[in-house]
């Protein structure tokens, strides 16, 4: 018995596959901790589409940002020393990245230039940013998950206002991961 209706069955199919030339089967420091030392060839996360239908993805262990065109052509638009977890496209065309190692980054896909938007809070490092979402007014909300969980419920949710003010909205979340606003932008779901 359920309070909710039975979910509808949907037909699905694979839209894109990572081409073999982008696979890097090897051990890496991210996989040593997160995948018990297994070899990984990629770990894709954070899908976001632009207005032209291009799909952008992060590759956590190898610090890569991929672009996939509507026709399925893959390219690496950035590669850097980091562990990107999520990304969102800003209305100005830049790509904002929640990076476990480096905080909140901004990438200009035209020039390839990247800069740090939020790297610390009250002069201390972040735990490990995971995901982010923009409000229609330009405010940025993001999760700071790190290795928190039920054993350590100290994950955080932040708001970076358009005026540059950074506020910690809550600091008692066990493993805050995804984040989204409701359509009216009156509620934040984590």
Protein backbone atom coordinates (compact mmCIF):
# COMPACT_ATOMS: atom_id res chain seq x y z
CA UNK A 1 0.00 0.00 0.00
CA UNK A 2 1.29 3.44 -0.91
CA UNK A 3 0.11 7.00 -0.48
CA UNK A 4 1.35 7.75 -3.99
CA UNK A 5 0.07 6.55 -7.37
CA UNK A 6 1.91 3.72 -9.08
CA UNK A 7 4.72 5.23 -11.14
CA UNK A 8 4.32 5.21 -14.88
CA UNK A 9 6.63 2.90 -16.87
CA UNK A 10 8.73 4.85 -19.36
CA UNK A 11 10.68 3.54 -22.32
CA UNK A 12 14.27 4.73 -22.15
CA UNK A 13 17.34 4.40 -24.31
CA UNK A 14 20.96 5.45 -24.13
CA UNK A 15 21.35 8.85 -25.78
CA UNK A 16 25.15 9.18 -25.67
CA UNK A 17 28.13 6.99 -24.79
CA UNK A 18 31.53 8.26 -23.73
CA UNK A 19 33.87 7.52 -26.66
CA UNK A 20 36.72 5.14 -25.89
CA UNK A 21 39.36 7.77 -26.65
CA UNK A 22 38.17 9.72 -23.56
CA UNK A 23 38.35 6.73 -21.22
CA UNK A 24 41.31 6.56 -18.82
CA UNK A 25 41.26 3.18 -17.08
CA UNK A 26 43.56 3.70 -14.09
CA UNK A 27 43.73 4.12 -10.37
CA UNK A 28 43.57 7.66 -9.09
CA UNK A 29 43.35 9.35 -5.70
CA UNK A 30 39.61 10.00 -6.08
CA UNK A 31 38.91 6.33 -6.82
CA UNK A 32 41.23 5.15 -4.03
CA UNK A 33 38.85 6.67 -1.51
CA UNK A 34 35.48 6.67 -3.28
CA UNK A 35 35.72 3.38 -5.20
CA UNK A 36 37.89 1.30 -2.82
CA UNK A 37 40.96 1.59 -5.04
CA UNK A 38 39.34 0.25 -8.19
CA UNK A 39 40.43 1.43 -11.58
CA UNK A 40 38.01 3.92 -13.08
CA UNK A 41 37.96 5.27 -16.61
CA UNK A 42 35.60 8.17 -15.83
CA UNK A 43 32.79 9.10 -13.46
CA UNK A 44 30.27 11.39 -15.13
CA UNK A 45 28.00 13.70 -13.11
CA UNK A 46 26.28 17.08 -13.17
CA UNK A 47 24.44 17.09 -16.51
CA UNK A 48 23.22 20.48 -17.73
CA UNK A 49 21.97 21.65 -21.11
CA UNK A 50 22.55 25.02 -22.76
CA UNK A 51 20.00 26.84 -24.93
CA UNK A 52 21.41 25.21 -28.08
CA UNK A 53 20.82 21.69 -26.77
CA UNK A 54 24.45 20.96 -25.93
CA UNK A 55 24.92 18.74 -22.89
CA UNK A 56 27.69 19.52 -20.40
CA UNK A 57 29.03 16.92 -17.95
CA UNK A 58 31.77 16.71 -15.35
CA UNK A 59 34.22 13.84 -14.99
CA UNK A 60 35.02 13.84 -11.28
CA UNK A 61 38.24 11.80 -10.98
CA UNK A 62 40.02 13.42 -13.92
CA UNK A 63 38.89 17.05 -13.58
CA UNK A 64 37.34 17.25 -17.02
CA UNK A 65 34.35 19.15 -18.35
CA UNK A 66 32.75 17.56 -21.40
CA UNK A 67 30.47 19.04 -24.02
CA UNK A 68 28.20 16.76 -26.05
CA UNK A 69 26.48 18.28 -29.08
CA UNK A 70 22.92 17.31 -30.02
CA UNK A 71 24.46 15.11 -32.74
CA UNK A 72 26.51 13.23 -30.12
CA UNK A 73 29.96 14.73 -30.74
CA UNK A 74 32.04 14.77 -27.53
CA UNK A 75 34.78 17.27 -26.66
CA UNK A 76 36.74 18.25 -23.56
CA UNK A 77 36.28 21.97 -22.96
CA UNK A 78 38.34 22.08 -19.76
CA UNK A 79 40.73 19.86 -17.83
CA UNK A 80 42.24 20.95 -14.54
CA UNK A 81 43.43 19.78 -11.10
CA UNK A 82 40.12 19.29 -9.38
CA UNK A 83 37.18 16.98 -8.71
CA UNK A 84 34.16 18.64 -10.35
CA UNK A 85 30.88 17.28 -8.98
CA UNK A 86 28.20 19.42 -10.60
CA UNK A 87 27.78 22.31 -12.99
CA UNK A 88 25.19 24.82 -14.09
CA UNK A 89 25.14 27.27 -16.95
CA UNK A 90 24.83 30.91 -15.95
CA UNK A 91 22.63 33.22 -18.02
CA UNK A 92 25.79 35.05 -19.18
CA UNK A 93 27.04 31.85 -20.86
CA UNK A 94 29.68 30.93 -18.29
CA UNK A 95 29.71 27.52 -16.64
CA UNK A 96 29.74 27.41 -12.85
CA UNK A 97 31.23 24.29 -11.29
CA UNK A 98 30.84 22.80 -7.81
CA UNK A 99 34.28 21.28 -7.24
CA UNK A 100 35.16 19.07 -4.28
CA UNK A 101 38.78 20.29 -4.08
CA UNK A 102 38.47 23.90 -5.18
CA UNK A 103 35.02 25.22 -4.25
CA UNK A 104 32.82 27.10 -6.69
CA UNK A 105 34.54 27.81 -10.00
CA UNK A 106 33.53 29.76 -13.09
CA UNK A 107 34.58 28.64 -16.57
CA UNK A 108 34.31 30.78 -19.68
CA UNK A 109 33.77 28.16 -22.40
CA UNK A 110 34.81 30.60 -25.13
CA UNK A 111 38.24 31.44 -23.71
CA UNK A 112 38.84 28.41 -21.48
CA UNK A 113 39.64 30.75 -18.57
CA UNK A 114 38.62 29.53 -15.12
CA UNK A 115 38.49 31.43 -11.84
CA UNK A 116 37.50 30.67 -8.26
CA UNK A 117 34.29 32.31 -7.08
CA UNK A 118 34.09 30.74 -3.60
CA UNK A 119 37.10 28.93 -2.14
CA UNK A 120 36.66 29.58 1.57
CA UNK A 121 34.08 30.51 4.18
CA UNK A 122 35.16 32.64 7.16
CA UNK A 123 38.82 31.97 6.23
CA UNK A 124 38.39 28.17 6.32
CA UNK A 125 38.27 25.78 3.40
CA UNK A 126 35.04 24.22 2.23
CA UNK A 127 34.25 20.57 2.96
CA UNK A 128 33.75 19.60 -0.68
CA UNK A 129 31.17 21.27 -2.91
CA UNK A 130 28.74 18.95 -4.64
CA UNK A 131 25.92 20.65 -6.53
CA UNK A 132 24.51 24.08 -7.33
CA UNK A 133 21.48 25.92 -8.69
CA UNK A 134 20.77 29.50 -9.74
CA UNK A 135 17.67 31.45 -8.72
CA UNK A 136 16.06 33.67 -11.35
CA UNK A 137 17.47 36.76 -9.59
CA UNK A 138 21.02 35.41 -10.04
CA UNK A 139 21.60 34.16 -6.48
CA UNK A 140 23.56 30.91 -6.36
CA UNK A 141 22.71 28.11 -3.93
CA UNK A 142 25.17 25.26 -3.43
CA UNK A 143 25.81 22.24 -1.25
CA UNK A 144 29.03 21.66 0.67
CA UNK A 145 28.92 17.93 1.27
CA UNK A 146 32.46 16.69 1.81
CA UNK A 147 32.46 13.30 3.53
CA UNK A 148 29.57 14.16 5.83
CA UNK A 149 26.77 11.72 6.54
CA UNK A 150 24.69 10.35 9.38
CA UNK A 151 27.96 9.79 11.25
CA UNK A 152 28.87 13.49 10.79
CA UNK A 153 25.81 15.66 10.01
CA UNK A 154 27.78 18.85 9.35
CA UNK A 155 27.13 19.31 5.63
CA UNK A 156 26.19 22.82 4.61
CA UNK A 157 24.01 24.72 2.17
CA UNK A 158 25.13 28.18 1.07
CA UNK A 159 23.68 31.13 -0.81
CA UNK A 160 25.95 33.44 -2.76
CA UNK A 161 23.86 36.55 -3.41
CA UNK A 162 24.38 38.59 -6.57
CA UNK A 163 25.91 41.33 -4.40
CA UNK A 164 28.69 38.90 -3.36
CA UNK A 165 27.43 38.14 0.14
CA UNK A 166 27.96 34.50 1.13
CA UNK A 167 25.58 33.06 3.73
CA UNK A 168 25.55 29.61 5.27
CA UNK A 169 21.84 28.75 5.37
CA UNK A 170 22.20 25.49 7.30
CA UNK A 171 25.17 23.55 8.66
CA UNK A 172 23.61 20.36 10.05
CA UNK A 173 22.84 18.38 6.89
CA UNK A 174 24.00 14.76 6.63
CA UNK A 175 25.55 14.52 3.15
CA UNK A 176 23.80 17.31 1.19
CA UNK A 177 24.01 16.31 -2.45
CA UNK A 178 21.59 17.57 -5.13
CA UNK A 179 19.88 20.93 -4.83
CA UNK A 180 16.95 22.54 -6.65
CA UNK A 181 14.42 25.35 -6.18
CA UNK A 182 10.71 24.83 -6.65
CA UNK A 183 9.12 26.65 -9.60
CA UNK A 184 7.98 29.58 -7.44
CA UNK A 185 11.46 29.74 -5.86
CA UNK A 186 9.93 29.76 -2.39
CA UNK A 187 11.43 26.42 -1.34
CA UNK A 188 14.88 24.91 -1.68
CA UNK A 189 15.09 21.12 -1.90
CA UNK A 190 18.32 19.38 -0.87
